[in-house]
Amino acid sequence: RASNRVFVGLPLCRNGDYLKVMIETAVSCIDTAKAINGYPEFMRPLVGRLLSKTGERKEKIVEFLKDVVDDRLKLAPEDRPDDYVSWLLNNAPPEEQNVGDIALRVIGTNFAAIHTSSMNITQAVYWLLAKPEYITPLREEIEEVTSKMGWTKNAIGSMPKLESFMKECMRMTPLGPQTMSRKVLKPFRFSNGVSVPVGATVGIHLYATHQDPKIYPEPERFNGFRFVEAEKEGAGDENFAVTKSRTSMYASSLTYLPFSYGRHACPGRFFAAMELKLLFAMLINNYDMKWPEAVSNGRDGYRPADVWSFGGLSPDPTARILIRERKA
């Protein structure tokens, strides 16, 4: 719903039926791809047509978006609401300014946003409950900044402890072990002399990079303030953080790759980073959370094991937490 507040605006972003079919479309796309890949290559086109329900779901989404798109088309570009649907219409060629083409792009963007955002925010919550000593300094930073700047984009960008914590979560638990996967289409030799055969798939080992002690001291240890700029002795540990972040969580580099790197880096990382930080800050500021005693058994640092599946890393979907609204 948070993503679609920006994608399609009110009131559609709060329509339960619309959200349900959009989530089903994103989830089924992944599940269907896994099923199709289990068949020999020559059978996959036929299996895909038999298993996929994307066309059926697209028609449902078109029905939801029809009035939204029609209403925007009646307005001059400068008078349209400031959301993703309007941006698409403002930049689409005339032949693509229709609900069918706009729906396809909204579906594609939701596919990219739904599971990635939900898994990253879940991982952050799990790390926070495993390391509750971070709750107080994060909450104090959030309250101090929002009391001066409100809940604005500039405020969210002025929380270095929150920024660092989220960045460390994505270093420790990225969405998968590799990134920038490519299939070799013609003979290729790297600068170090290594040759890769045609048909092979190569990629960057994201997980190994994030766990390299030459890059990150004690890489196996979660340090929520690892990315806070150190200005004096003690900065960057669990008990101290200064007021400046080294780099934002959406900044990609050869040593930090959750959003990939180079010209193929995720184009939506700026929106995703802002959304994740805003949601996480709201959770910390407004709610108390902890593991149920029956789950953690009083163990310090308890965190449910992550799930590796089909080359992806996901938080445990069966984990349970206790959550309540904070008293004013």
Protein backbone atom coordinates (compact mmCIF):
# COMPACT_ATOMS: atom_id res chain seq x y z
CA ARG A 1 0.00 0.00 0.00
CA ALA A 2 2.84 2.39 0.79
CA SER A 3 4.39 1.87 -2.65
CA ASN A 4 1.09 2.31 -4.44
CA ARG A 5 0.45 5.56 -2.60
CA VAL A 6 3.13 6.88 -4.93
CA PHE A 7 2.32 4.66 -7.91
CA VAL A 8 -1.44 5.19 -8.31
CA GLY A 9 -2.37 7.62 -5.51
CA LEU A 10 -5.53 7.84 -3.44
CA PRO A 11 -8.01 6.21 -3.14
CA LEU A 12 -6.91 3.22 -5.25
CA CYS A 13 -3.81 2.58 -3.13
CA ARG A 14 -6.15 1.66 -0.25
CA ASN A 15 -8.43 -0.60 -2.27
CA GLY A 16 -8.00 -4.07 -0.79
CA ASP A 17 -9.07 -5.88 -3.95
CA TYR A 18 -6.61 -3.92 -6.09
CA LEU A 19 -3.75 -4.59 -3.66
CA LYS A 20 -4.66 -8.27 -3.48
CA VAL A 21 -4.53 -8.84 -7.24
CA MET A 22 -1.32 -6.79 -7.54
CA ILE A 23 0.40 -8.88 -4.86
CA GLU A 24 -0.90 -12.10 -6.40
CA THR A 25 0.48 -11.04 -9.78
CA ALA A 26 3.95 -10.36 -8.38
CA VAL A 27 4.10 -13.55 -6.32
CA SER A 28 2.66 -15.81 -9.03
CA CYS A 29 5.16 -14.48 -11.56
CA ILE A 30 8.05 -15.80 -9.47
CA ASP A 31 6.32 -19.08 -8.62
CA THR A 32 5.36 -19.66 -12.26
CA ALA A 33 8.92 -18.95 -13.42
CA LYS A 34 10.25 -21.51 -10.94
CA ALA A 35 7.77 -24.10 -12.20
CA ILE A 36 8.51 -23.40 -15.87
CA ASN A 37 12.26 -23.71 -15.31
CA GLY A 38 11.70 -27.22 -13.98
CA TYR A 39 10.79 -28.41 -17.49
CA PRO A 40 13.06 -29.05 -20.47
CA GLU A 41 13.72 -25.90 -22.46
CA PHE A 42 11.70 -27.01 -25.50
CA MET A 43 8.58 -27.46 -23.32
CA ARG A 44 8.73 -24.14 -21.50
CA PRO A 45 6.72 -22.01 -23.99
CA LEU A 46 3.82 -24.47 -23.80
CA VAL A 47 4.05 -24.90 -20.03
CA GLY A 48 4.16 -21.13 -19.60
CA ARG A 49 0.93 -20.65 -21.52
CA LEU A 50 -0.76 -23.36 -19.46
CA LEU A 51 0.44 -22.20 -16.02
CA SER A 52 0.55 -18.43 -16.28
CA LYS A 53 -2.44 -16.36 -15.22
CA THR A 54 -0.74 -13.04 -15.92
CA GLY A 55 -3.14 -12.14 -18.73
CA GLU A 56 -6.18 -12.77 -16.56
CA ARG A 57 -4.77 -10.68 -13.73
CA LYS A 58 -3.72 -7.92 -16.11
CA GLU A 59 -7.34 -7.55 -17.22
CA LYS A 60 -8.42 -7.14 -13.59
CA ILE A 61 -5.78 -4.49 -13.01
CA VAL A 62 -6.83 -2.68 -16.20
CA GLU A 63 -10.35 -2.45 -14.78
CA PHE A 64 -9.02 -0.89 -11.58
CA LEU A 65 -6.84 1.60 -13.45
CA LYS A 66 -9.29 2.53 -16.21
CA ASP A 67 -11.01 5.38 -14.38
CA VAL A 68 -7.70 6.63 -12.96
CA VAL A 69 -6.08 6.85 -16.39
CA ASP A 70 -9.19 8.29 -18.07
CA ASP A 71 -9.46 11.01 -15.43
CA ARG A 72 -5.79 11.95 -15.84
CA LEU A 73 -6.09 12.14 -19.62
CA LYS A 74 -8.85 14.72 -19.25
CA LEU A 75 -6.44 17.00 -17.38
CA ALA A 76 -3.55 19.04 -18.71
CA PRO A 77 -0.19 17.49 -17.71
CA GLU A 78 0.55 20.30 -15.25
CA ASP A 79 -2.79 19.73 -13.49
CA ARG A 80 -2.42 15.99 -12.95
CA PRO A 81 -1.69 14.54 -9.48
CA ASP A 82 1.99 14.07 -8.74
CA ASP A 83 2.28 10.27 -8.89
CA TYR A 84 3.68 7.48 -11.06
CA VAL A 85 0.63 7.14 -13.31
CA SER A 86 0.83 10.83 -14.17
CA TRP A 87 4.57 10.60 -14.80
CA LEU A 88 3.99 7.72 -17.19
CA LEU A 89 1.29 9.59 -19.08
CA ASN A 90 3.38 12.75 -19.24
CA ASN A 91 6.31 10.90 -20.81
CA ALA A 92 4.59 8.24 -22.93
CA PRO A 93 4.28 8.67 -26.70
CA PRO A 94 0.68 9.31 -27.84
CA GLU A 95 0.12 5.71 -28.94
CA GLU A 96 0.97 4.45 -25.42
CA GLN A 97 -1.22 6.87 -23.49
CA ASN A 98 -3.86 4.25 -22.78
CA VAL A 99 -4.83 2.13 -19.82
CA GLY A 100 -3.40 -1.10 -21.25
CA ASP A 101 0.13 0.21 -21.69
CA ILE A 102 0.04 2.12 -18.40
CA ALA A 103 -1.21 -0.99 -16.57
CA LEU A 104 1.71 -3.07 -17.87
CA ARG A 105 4.18 -0.54 -16.49
CA VAL A 106 2.41 -0.30 -13.14
CA ILE A 107 2.44 -4.10 -12.91
CA GLY A 108 6.14 -4.24 -13.73
CA THR A 109 7.01 -1.58 -11.17
CA ASN A 110 4.94 -3.31 -8.48
CA PHE A 111 6.69 -6.59 -9.29
CA ALA A 112 10.04 -4.91 -8.65
CA ALA A 113 8.88 -3.11 -5.51
CA ILE A 114 6.63 -5.48 -3.57
CA HIS A 115 8.81 -8.43 -2.58
CA THR A 116 12.08 -6.47 -2.39
CA SER A 117 10.69 -3.80 -0.05
CA SER A 118 8.74 -6.24 2.13
CA MET A 119 11.73 -8.58 2.56
CA ASN A 120 14.15 -5.76 3.35
CA ILE A 121 11.87 -4.17 5.93
CA THR A 122 11.24 -7.58 7.50
CA GLN A 123 14.97 -8.27 7.71
CA ALA A 124 15.47 -4.89 9.38
CA VAL A 125 12.80 -5.65 11.99
CA TYR A 126 14.36 -9.06 12.69
CA TRP A 127 17.79 -7.47 13.16
CA LEU A 128 16.35 -4.81 15.43
CA LEU A 129 14.70 -7.42 17.66
CA ALA A 130 17.91 -9.45 17.69
CA LYS A 131 19.87 -6.33 18.68
CA PRO A 132 17.46 -4.37 20.93
CA GLU A 133 20.29 -2.15 22.18
CA TYR A 134 19.84 -0.16 18.99
CA ILE A 135 16.21 0.75 19.66
CA THR A 136 16.90 3.63 22.07
CA PRO A 137 19.58 5.49 20.01
CA LEU A 138 17.54 5.06 16.83
CA ARG A 139 14.35 6.25 18.51
CA GLU A 140 16.12 9.24 20.03
CA GLU A 141 17.50 10.26 16.62
CA ILE A 142 14.10 9.90 14.96
CA GLU A 143 12.33 11.93 17.65
CA GLU A 144 14.97 14.67 17.63
CA VAL A 145 15.01 15.09 13.86
CA THR A 146 11.23 14.92 13.33
CA SER A 147 10.60 17.38 16.16
CA LYS A 148 12.64 19.94 14.21
CA MET A 149 11.92 19.00 10.60
CA GLY A 150 8.69 17.01 10.67
CA TRP A 151 8.16 13.82 8.69
CA THR A 152 9.72 15.14 5.49
CA LYS A 153 12.11 13.82 2.88
CA ASN A 154 14.86 16.05 4.26
CA ALA A 155 14.21 14.73 7.76
CA ILE A 156 14.48 11.09 6.70
CA GLY A 157 17.72 11.97 4.91
CA SER A 158 19.08 13.53 8.12
CA MET A 159 19.10 10.35 10.22
CA PRO A 160 22.61 8.86 9.89
CA LYS A 161 22.06 6.18 12.53
CA LEU A 162 18.91 4.97 10.80
CA GLU A 163 20.68 5.12 7.43
CA SER A 164 23.60 3.08 8.74
CA PHE A 165 21.39 0.49 10.44
CA MET A 166 19.39 -0.12 7.28
CA LYS A 167 22.56 -0.29 5.20
CA GLU A 168 24.09 -2.85 7.56
CA CYS A 169 20.92 -4.96 7.34
CA MET A 170 21.26 -5.04 3.56
CA ARG A 171 24.96 -5.88 3.83
CA MET A 172 24.31 -8.81 6.15
CA THR A 173 21.16 -10.11 4.50
CA PRO A 174 20.95 -9.10 0.83
CA LEU A 175 18.20 -10.52 -1.37
CA GLY A 176 20.55 -13.09 -2.87
CA PRO A 177 24.16 -14.27 -3.06
CA GLN A 178 25.00 -12.71 -6.42
CA THR A 179 24.16 -9.81 -8.68
CA MET A 180 24.72 -8.65 -12.26
CA SER A 181 24.22 -12.17 -13.65
CA ARG A 182 24.96 -12.39 -17.38
CA LYS A 183 24.88 -15.19 -19.94
CA VAL A 184 27.97 -15.36 -22.13
CA LEU A 185 26.92 -14.98 -25.77
CA LYS A 186 30.37 -14.93 -27.40
CA PRO A 187 33.91 -15.89 -26.32
CA PHE A 188 35.18 -13.49 -23.68
CA ARG A 189 38.42 -13.08 -21.76
CA PHE A 190 38.73 -11.00 -18.60
CA SER A 191 41.70 -8.71 -18.01
CA ASN A 192 43.27 -11.29 -15.68
CA GLY A 193 43.31 -13.88 -18.47
CA VAL A 194 40.32 -15.95 -17.33
CA SER A 195 38.15 -17.08 -20.23
CA VAL A 196 34.48 -17.98 -19.92
CA PRO A 197 32.77 -20.33 -22.38
CA VAL A 198 29.77 -19.39 -24.46
CA GLY A 199 26.55 -20.35 -22.70
CA ALA A 200 27.97 -19.98 -19.19
CA THR A 201 26.36 -17.63 -16.67
CA VAL A 202 28.62 -15.30 -14.72
CA GLY A 203 27.89 -12.84 -11.96
CA ILE A 204 29.29 -10.82 -9.09
CA HIS A 205 29.44 -12.68 -5.78
CA LEU A 206 27.61 -10.10 -3.71
CA TYR A 207 27.49 -12.17 -0.52
CA ALA A 208 31.22 -12.91 -0.54
CA THR A 209 31.98 -9.23 -1.16
CA HIS A 210 29.86 -8.17 1.80
CA GLN A 211 31.57 -10.76 4.01
CA ASP A 212 35.14 -9.93 2.98
CA PRO A 213 37.24 -8.99 6.06
CA LYS A 214 39.54 -6.92 3.84
CA ILE A 215 36.59 -4.65 3.13
CA TYR A 216 34.53 -4.92 6.32
CA PRO A 217 36.29 -5.58 9.65
CA GLU A 218 34.59 -8.44 11.49
CA PRO A 219 32.18 -8.92 8.60
CA GLU A 220 30.25 -11.70 10.33
CA ARG A 221 29.30 -9.34 13.18
CA PHE A 222 26.25 -7.11 12.81
CA ASN A 223 27.32 -3.53 13.55
CA GLY A 224 24.38 -1.19 13.06
CA PHE A 225 26.54 1.93 13.15
CA ARG A 226 29.24 0.56 10.86
CA PHE A 227 28.47 3.17 8.19
CA VAL A 228 28.36 6.20 10.46
CA GLU A 229 31.33 8.42 9.81
CA ALA A 230 33.87 8.09 12.61
CA GLU A 231 35.15 11.43 13.90
CA LYS A 232 36.73 10.27 17.12
CA GLU A 233 37.73 7.11 18.88
CA GLY A 234 34.78 4.82 19.54
CA ALA A 235 32.63 6.04 16.69
CA GLY A 236 30.87 3.35 14.78
CA ASP A 237 30.35 0.85 17.59
CA GLU A 238 27.03 -0.14 19.14
CA ASN A 239 27.14 2.57 21.80
CA PHE A 240 28.22 5.60 19.84
CA ALA A 241 27.37 7.28 16.58
CA VAL A 242 28.16 10.75 15.31
CA THR A 243 25.86 12.79 13.17
CA LYS A 244 27.07 12.12 9.65
CA SER A 245 26.60 9.06 7.46
CA ARG A 246 29.49 8.00 5.23
CA THR A 247 27.28 7.18 2.27
CA SER A 248 23.57 6.74 1.68
CA MET A 249 22.10 3.26 1.49
CA TYR A 250 21.28 3.71 -2.20
CA ALA A 251 24.89 4.53 -3.15
CA SER A 252 26.29 1.58 -5.10
CA SER A 253 29.98 0.73 -5.27
CA LEU A 254 32.26 -2.22 -5.99
CA THR A 255 32.15 -3.09 -2.28
CA TYR A 256 28.45 -2.49 -1.56
CA LEU A 257 26.09 -4.12 -4.04
CA PRO A 258 22.50 -4.59 -2.79
CA PHE A 259 21.27 -2.39 -5.64
CA SER A 260 23.79 -3.78 -8.14
CA TYR A 261 26.36 -1.46 -9.73
CA GLY A 262 27.13 0.76 -12.69
CA ARG A 263 24.70 1.57 -15.44
CA HIS A 264 22.60 -1.46 -14.51
CA ALA A 265 22.15 -0.39 -10.88
CA CYS A 266 18.52 -0.44 -9.75
CA PRO A 267 16.88 2.73 -11.10
CA GLY A 268 14.30 2.60 -8.31
CA ARG A 269 16.84 2.51 -5.47
CA PHE A 270 16.29 6.16 -4.53
CA PHE A 271 12.57 5.62 -4.04
CA ALA A 272 13.13 2.25 -2.35
CA ALA A 273 15.66 3.64 0.12
CA MET A 274 13.41 6.53 1.10
CA GLU A 275 10.38 4.26 1.47
CA LEU A 276 12.27 1.71 3.59
CA LYS A 277 13.74 4.34 5.90
CA LEU A 278 10.37 6.06 6.32
CA LEU A 279 8.54 2.82 7.13
CA PHE A 280 11.25 1.65 9.53
CA ALA A 281 11.38 5.03 11.28
CA MET A 282 7.59 5.00 11.70
CA LEU A 283 7.71 1.50 13.17
CA ILE A 284 10.45 2.39 15.66
CA ASN A 285 8.82 5.67 16.63
CA ASN A 286 5.27 4.42 17.05
CA TYR A 287 5.52 0.80 18.18
CA ASP A 288 7.18 -1.45 20.73
CA MET A 289 8.25 -4.81 19.32
CA LYS A 290 9.86 -7.96 20.70
CA TRP A 291 10.05 -11.70 20.18
CA PRO A 292 7.48 -13.79 22.05
CA GLU A 293 9.13 -15.47 25.01
CA ALA A 294 8.09 -18.87 23.68
CA VAL A 295 10.00 -18.15 20.45
CA SER A 296 13.24 -16.68 21.77
CA ASN A 297 13.33 -18.67 25.04
CA GLY A 298 15.11 -15.69 26.55
CA ARG A 299 18.12 -16.08 24.23
CA ASP A 300 20.04 -12.87 23.64
CA GLY A 301 20.52 -12.11 19.97
CA TYR A 302 17.85 -14.55 18.81
CA ARG A 303 16.99 -14.18 15.15
CA PRO A 304 15.12 -16.72 13.01
CA ALA A 305 17.22 -18.42 10.37
CA ASP A 306 17.02 -16.99 6.87
CA VAL A 307 15.65 -19.11 4.05
CA TRP A 308 17.75 -19.88 0.97
CA SER A 309 15.62 -20.86 -2.01
CA PHE A 310 16.22 -20.83 -5.78
CA GLY A 311 19.23 -18.58 -5.44
CA GLY A 312 17.47 -16.07 -3.19
CA LEU A 313 17.74 -15.16 0.49
CA SER A 314 14.51 -14.45 2.37
CA PRO A 315 13.54 -13.78 5.99
CA ASP A 316 11.69 -16.58 7.75
CA PRO A 317 8.04 -16.09 6.67
CA THR A 318 6.73 -18.07 9.66
CA ALA A 319 8.40 -15.99 12.39
CA ARG A 320 6.14 -14.32 14.94
CA ILE A 321 6.69 -11.06 16.84
CA LEU A 322 4.79 -9.13 19.49
CA ILE A 323 3.94 -5.56 18.54
CA ARG A 324 1.93 -2.85 20.29
CA GLU A 325 1.40 0.84 19.84
CA ARG A 326 3.57 2.99 22.09
CA LYS A 327 1.86 5.01 24.77
CA ALA A 328 2.09 8.76 24.29
